[in-house]
Protein backbone atom coordinates (compact mmCIF):
# COMPACT_ATOMS: atom_id res chain seq x y z
CA MET A 1 -14.58 -16.12 2.76
CA LYS A 2 -11.60 -18.43 2.90
CA GLY A 3 -11.49 -20.65 -0.15
CA GLU A 4 -14.35 -18.76 -1.83
CA ARG A 5 -13.45 -16.36 -4.64
CA PRO A 6 -14.63 -13.87 -5.49
CA GLY A 7 -18.09 -13.35 -4.03
CA GLY A 8 -18.03 -15.01 -0.65
CA MET A 9 -18.69 -11.93 1.50
CA GLY A 10 -22.29 -11.23 0.66
CA SER A 11 -24.26 -8.96 -1.63
CA GLY A 12 -23.22 -5.55 -2.87
CA ALA A 13 -19.74 -6.72 -3.90
CA PRO A 14 -17.92 -5.14 -6.83
CA SER A 15 -18.93 -6.82 -10.07
CA GLY A 16 -16.41 -9.09 -11.72
CA PRO A 17 -15.65 -12.67 -12.77
CA PRO A 18 -13.83 -15.28 -10.66
CA CYS A 19 -10.51 -14.22 -12.14
CA ALA A 20 -8.00 -14.64 -9.33
CA GLU A 21 -6.22 -17.70 -10.61
CA GLU A 22 -3.05 -17.18 -12.63
CA ALA A 23 -1.75 -13.75 -11.65
CA GLY A 24 -2.41 -13.78 -7.94
CA ASP A 25 -1.53 -17.33 -6.87
CA ALA A 26 1.93 -17.89 -8.36
CA PRO A 27 4.69 -18.11 -5.70
CA TYR A 28 6.95 -15.10 -5.29
CA ALA A 29 10.45 -15.16 -6.65
CA ALA A 30 13.31 -15.40 -4.17
CA GLN A 31 13.85 -11.64 -4.40
CA VAL A 32 11.34 -9.32 -2.79
CA PRO A 33 8.78 -8.20 -5.41
CA VAL A 34 8.68 -4.48 -6.20
CA ALA A 35 5.23 -3.20 -7.16
CA MET A 36 3.93 0.25 -8.10
CA SER A 37 0.94 1.96 -6.55
CA THR A 38 -1.50 3.18 -9.15
CA SER A 39 -1.62 6.44 -7.18
CA SER A 40 1.93 7.11 -8.33
CA VAL A 41 0.75 8.22 -11.79
CA TYR A 42 -1.88 10.71 -10.58
CA PRO A 43 -3.36 12.78 -12.26
CA GLU A 44 -3.21 10.02 -14.86
CA ARG A 45 -5.68 7.20 -14.34
CA THR A 46 -5.60 3.57 -13.28
CA PRO A 47 -5.19 2.12 -16.81
CA ASP A 48 -2.18 4.39 -17.34
CA ALA A 49 -0.62 2.99 -14.18
CA PHE A 50 -0.87 -0.58 -15.46
CA GLU A 51 0.70 0.43 -18.77
CA ILE A 52 3.60 2.29 -17.13
CA ALA A 53 4.25 -0.38 -14.50
CA ALA A 54 4.35 -3.13 -17.12
CA ARG A 55 6.55 -1.12 -19.47
CA LEU A 56 9.08 -0.35 -16.74
CA GLY A 57 9.22 -3.95 -15.52
CA TYR A 58 7.59 -3.70 -12.10
CA ASP A 59 6.64 -7.03 -10.53
CA GLY A 60 3.05 -5.94 -9.90
CA VAL A 61 0.73 -3.12 -8.93
CA GLU A 62 -1.14 -1.99 -5.84
CA VAL A 63 -4.53 -0.58 -6.81
CA MET A 64 -5.52 2.58 -4.99
CA VAL A 65 -9.32 2.62 -4.82
CA TYR A 66 -10.51 6.18 -5.37
CA ALA A 67 -12.98 8.16 -7.50
CA ASP A 68 -11.73 6.65 -10.78
CA PRO A 69 -14.43 4.04 -11.60
CA VAL A 70 -11.80 1.68 -13.05
CA SER A 71 -10.12 1.40 -9.65
CA GLN A 72 -13.38 0.04 -8.23
CA ASP A 73 -14.29 -2.38 -11.01
CA ALA A 74 -12.96 -5.94 -10.60
CA ASP A 75 -13.85 -6.95 -14.16
CA VAL A 76 -11.90 -4.08 -15.74
CA LEU A 77 -8.97 -4.53 -13.36
CA CYS A 78 -8.75 -8.21 -14.28
CA ARG A 79 -8.69 -7.30 -17.97
CA LEU A 80 -5.94 -4.76 -17.37
CA ARG A 81 -4.01 -7.31 -15.34
CA ASP A 82 -4.27 -9.93 -18.05
CA TYR A 83 -3.63 -7.57 -20.98
CA HIS A 84 -0.47 -6.12 -19.45
CA GLN A 85 0.57 -9.44 -17.86
CA ILE A 86 1.22 -7.82 -14.50
CA PRO A 87 -0.32 -9.11 -11.25
CA ILE A 88 -2.30 -7.07 -8.75
CA LEU A 89 -0.50 -7.70 -5.47
CA ALA A 90 -2.51 -5.42 -3.17
CA VAL A 91 -5.60 -3.23 -2.96
CA HIS A 92 -5.56 0.02 -1.00
CA ALA A 93 -8.95 0.54 0.62
CA PRO A 94 -10.56 4.00 0.21
CA SER A 95 -9.71 5.08 3.75
CA LEU A 96 -8.07 8.39 2.88
CA LEU A 97 -9.70 11.67 3.76
CA LEU A 98 -10.06 12.40 0.03
CA THR A 99 -11.84 9.08 -0.59
CA GLN A 100 -14.40 9.29 2.22
CA ARG A 101 -17.32 9.21 -0.23
CA VAL A 102 -16.04 6.28 -2.29
CA TRP A 103 -18.29 3.26 -1.60
CA GLY A 104 -20.29 5.27 0.92
CA ARG A 105 -19.32 6.54 4.33
CA GLU A 106 -19.62 3.37 6.43
CA PRO A 107 -16.01 2.23 7.07
CA TRP A 108 -16.68 -1.48 7.58
CA GLU A 109 -18.60 -1.60 4.31
CA LYS A 110 -15.70 0.07 2.53
CA LEU A 111 -13.34 -2.53 3.97
CA ARG A 112 -15.66 -5.39 3.08
CA ARG A 113 -15.86 -4.21 -0.52
CA ALA A 114 -12.09 -3.75 -0.71
CA THR A 115 -11.71 -7.33 0.52
CA VAL A 116 -14.05 -8.69 -2.13
CA LEU A 117 -12.23 -6.68 -4.78
CA ALA A 118 -8.89 -8.08 -3.61
CA GLU A 119 -10.24 -11.64 -3.66
CA CYS A 120 -11.53 -11.20 -7.18
CA VAL A 121 -8.38 -9.75 -8.70
CA GLY A 122 -6.04 -12.11 -6.89
CA ALA A 123 -4.44 -9.63 -4.48
CA ARG A 124 -2.99 -10.98 -1.26
CA ALA A 125 -3.30 -7.81 0.79
CA VAL A 126 -5.65 -4.97 1.59
CA VAL A 127 -3.90 -1.85 2.87
CA LEU A 128 -5.91 0.40 5.16
CA HIS A 129 -5.43 3.39 7.44
CA PRO A 130 -6.30 3.54 11.13
CA PRO A 131 -9.75 5.01 11.78
CA PHE A 132 -10.35 8.74 11.99
CA ARG A 133 -11.23 9.98 15.46
CA TRP A 134 -14.74 10.99 14.43
CA GLN A 135 -15.53 7.41 13.33
CA ARG A 136 -16.29 6.51 16.94
CA ASP A 137 -17.98 3.14 16.45
CA TYR A 138 -15.28 2.08 14.00
CA VAL A 139 -12.59 3.13 16.48
CA ARG A 140 -14.13 1.18 19.35
CA GLY A 141 -14.40 -2.05 17.39
CA PHE A 142 -11.41 -1.67 15.10
CA GLU A 143 -8.99 -4.30 16.38
CA LYS A 144 -11.61 -6.97 17.14
CA GLY A 145 -13.55 -6.23 13.97
CA LEU A 146 -10.44 -6.51 11.84
CA ALA A 147 -9.60 -9.85 13.45
CA ALA A 148 -13.11 -11.11 12.74
CA MET A 149 -12.88 -10.11 9.08
CA ALA A 150 -9.43 -11.69 8.76
CA ALA A 151 -10.86 -14.99 9.98
CA GLU A 152 -13.24 -15.07 7.00
CA THR A 153 -10.80 -14.48 4.14
CA ASP A 154 -7.35 -15.41 2.88
CA VAL A 155 -6.66 -11.71 2.27
CA MET A 156 -4.26 -10.05 4.71
CA PHE A 157 -5.17 -6.68 6.25
CA ALA A 158 -2.08 -4.48 6.64
CA VAL A 159 -2.71 -1.31 8.66
CA GLU A 160 -0.55 1.63 7.61
CA ASN A 161 1.43 3.94 9.89
CA MET A 162 0.14 7.51 9.68
CA TYR A 163 1.19 10.77 11.36
CA PRO A 164 -0.06 13.66 13.50
CA LEU A 165 -0.66 17.09 12.01
CA ARG A 166 1.18 20.10 13.38
CA ALA A 167 0.06 23.71 13.07
CA GLY A 168 1.13 26.80 14.97
CA GLY A 169 3.14 24.84 17.49
CA SER A 170 0.26 22.51 18.37
CA GLU A 171 -0.28 18.91 17.36
CA VAL A 172 -3.56 17.44 16.13
CA VAL A 173 -3.95 13.68 15.88
CA PRO A 174 -6.78 12.78 13.49
CA TYR A 175 -6.43 9.01 13.96
CA ALA A 176 -7.54 6.61 16.71
CA PRO A 177 -6.88 4.34 18.52
CA HIS A 178 -3.44 5.56 17.34
CA TRP A 179 -1.67 6.78 14.20
CA ASP A 180 1.18 4.36 14.99
CA PRO A 181 0.10 0.73 14.36
CA THR A 182 2.92 -0.61 16.54
CA ALA A 183 0.64 0.45 19.41
CA LEU A 184 -2.29 -1.59 18.07
CA ASP A 185 -3.18 -5.25 18.57
CA ILE A 186 -3.02 -6.18 14.87
CA PRO A 187 -0.97 -8.91 13.18
CA HIS A 188 0.02 -7.14 9.94
CA VAL A 189 1.34 -3.64 9.32
CA THR A 190 2.25 -1.52 6.29
CA LEU A 191 5.32 0.65 6.87
CA ASP A 192 5.27 3.87 4.82
CA LEU A 193 8.55 5.82 4.81
CA SER A 194 6.98 9.10 3.73
CA HIS A 195 4.76 8.80 6.78
CA THR A 196 7.68 8.10 9.12
CA ALA A 197 9.22 11.35 7.83
CA ALA A 198 5.93 13.17 8.46
CA SER A 199 5.64 11.85 12.02
CA GLY A 200 9.31 12.23 12.89
CA SER A 201 9.56 8.50 13.58
CA SER A 202 12.51 6.22 12.96
CA ALA A 203 11.61 3.87 10.12
CA LEU A 204 14.35 1.44 11.14
CA ALA A 205 13.26 1.38 14.77
CA MET A 206 9.64 0.90 13.74
CA ALA A 207 10.59 -1.99 11.44
CA ALA A 208 12.62 -3.61 14.20
CA GLU A 209 9.79 -3.26 16.71
CA LEU A 210 7.29 -4.72 14.27
CA GLY A 211 9.42 -7.77 13.52
CA GLY A 212 7.27 -10.39 11.84
CA ARG A 213 4.26 -8.06 11.86
CA LEU A 214 5.90 -6.01 9.09
CA ALA A 215 4.00 -7.38 6.11
CA HIS A 216 3.99 -4.61 3.49
CA VAL A 217 6.17 -1.59 2.67
CA HIS A 218 5.34 1.68 0.91
CA LEU A 219 8.63 2.94 -0.48
CA ALA A 220 8.90 6.72 -0.68
CA ASP A 221 10.99 9.44 0.88
CA GLY A 222 10.41 12.61 2.86
CA THR A 223 12.31 15.46 4.41
CA GLY A 224 10.16 15.89 7.51
CA THR A 225 10.10 19.63 6.76
CA PRO A 226 7.76 20.07 3.78
CA ALA A 227 7.13 23.48 2.26
CA GLY A 228 3.32 23.18 2.47
CA PRO A 229 0.86 22.38 5.27
CA ILE A 230 0.67 18.64 4.48
CA PRO A 231 3.69 16.80 5.91
CA ASP A 232 3.29 13.75 3.66
CA GLU A 233 5.62 14.28 0.67
CA HIS A 234 6.04 10.86 -1.02
CA LEU A 235 9.30 11.79 -2.72
CA VAL A 236 11.26 9.49 -5.00
CA PRO A 237 13.45 7.30 -2.72
CA GLY A 238 16.84 8.86 -2.22
CA ARG A 239 15.59 12.45 -2.51
CA GLY A 240 14.69 12.93 1.15
CA GLY A 241 16.09 12.06 4.52
CA GLN A 242 14.62 8.63 5.16
CA PRO A 243 16.81 5.50 5.46
CA CYS A 244 15.28 3.92 2.35
CA ALA A 245 18.41 2.01 1.32
CA GLU A 246 19.04 0.73 4.84
CA LEU A 247 15.46 -0.43 5.26
CA LEU A 248 15.51 -2.31 1.95
CA GLY A 249 18.78 -3.94 2.92
CA GLY A 250 17.26 -5.05 6.20
CA LEU A 251 14.27 -6.57 4.44
CA SER A 252 16.46 -8.81 2.30
CA ALA A 253 18.68 -9.74 5.22
CA ASP A 254 15.67 -10.68 7.34
CA ALA A 255 14.05 -12.82 4.61
CA TYR A 256 11.06 -10.48 4.37
CA ARG A 257 8.18 -12.20 2.59
CA GLY A 258 6.02 -9.21 1.72
CA VAL A 259 5.99 -6.71 -1.12
CA VAL A 260 7.75 -3.36 -1.54
CA VAL A 261 5.38 -0.89 -3.21
CA VAL A 262 6.67 2.32 -4.77
CA GLU A 263 4.17 5.02 -3.76
CA VAL A 264 5.54 8.39 -4.88
CA LYS A 265 3.95 11.67 -5.94
CA THR A 266 4.58 12.58 -9.56
CA SER A 267 1.73 15.08 -9.95
CA ARG A 268 4.20 17.95 -10.35
CA ALA A 269 6.19 16.25 -13.10
CA PRO A 270 6.44 18.72 -16.03
CA ALA A 271 5.59 16.04 -18.60
CA ARG A 272 4.70 12.36 -18.83
CA GLU A 273 8.26 11.38 -19.66
CA ASP A 274 9.39 13.01 -16.41
CA ARG A 275 6.80 11.01 -14.47
CA VAL A 276 7.95 7.80 -16.12
CA ALA A 277 11.57 8.69 -15.38
CA ASP A 278 10.77 9.17 -11.68
CA LEU A 279 9.04 5.80 -11.54
CA ALA A 280 11.93 4.12 -13.37
CA GLU A 281 14.38 5.69 -10.91
CA SER A 282 12.30 4.47 -7.97
CA LEU A 283 12.21 0.91 -9.32
CA ALA A 284 15.96 0.92 -9.96
CA PHE A 285 16.61 2.20 -6.43
CA ALA A 286 14.48 -0.54 -4.87
CA ARG A 287 15.98 -3.33 -6.95
CA GLN A 288 19.54 -2.14 -6.39
CA HIS A 289 19.33 -2.07 -2.61
CA LEU A 290 17.28 -5.24 -2.31
CA SER A 291 19.75 -7.06 -4.59
CA LEU A 292 22.83 -5.78 -2.76
CA ALA A 293 21.57 -7.12 0.54
CA ALA A 294 20.40 -10.38 -0.99
CA GLY A 295 23.80 -10.89 -2.59
CA GLN A 296 25.61 -10.23 0.68
CA ALA A 297 23.33 -12.66 2.50
CA ALA A 298 23.95 -15.36 -0.15
CA ARG A 299 27.72 -14.95 0.25
CA GLY A 300 27.35 -15.38 3.99
């Protein structure tokens, strides 16, 4: 609940000490922070992500909650945060198809536990996907239920844009009320550029339509024409067709107050040094284009 960290949302919360003070509550620097999703090091684990992010100089991490027990454990995450001196800026709830069994199958319980985890580790945001169509009760109460939860915590819920699936000339939409959160009555949205590639959407148009509702960005790239059946590529920014540089420039120009999170796939990297190189390249790309726009804005 607001003002109560970490255990204010009832029993069954992830274990962990009240450790949200130093890392999560310091004000952001003038420049937009660039964080790294822990999913970006897969198949390496959550502790490896903290080590790599700190070594490369990222401003923070977004913890993807999945089958790795460390990603679910507030106590261990706090120790990793403090050891590596890198804040946890967001928690990604286990709302992916591959994480349906993490923390049970009840979607509101998953979101409640993600909220408690975020409160405990000092994260400002919980990222979540729109409901799947087969989660009928969750779909019906999604917008009102999310508003009710937001009223009980200082954590922000940022719903991510997704995409339809296409096969054999037909389109299947697995999400409801909609895969596009601009169509939903929600105050905060995560814009993922790999997902705009997958859906054939304009990232710049979506950002403009969202305006102040744009609260969180997943930086990645995509071609829109992947080789496999899954359209979501999560390429290193600059290696696809998305307007990554232009979007970052717009964020700085518009005094964006959220976080840019690098969320790229490195699972096919031949070796660890290649994975690290991809993540270093992604960080450099983000900082370069955020800084260029910030410098131009400062010069008037």
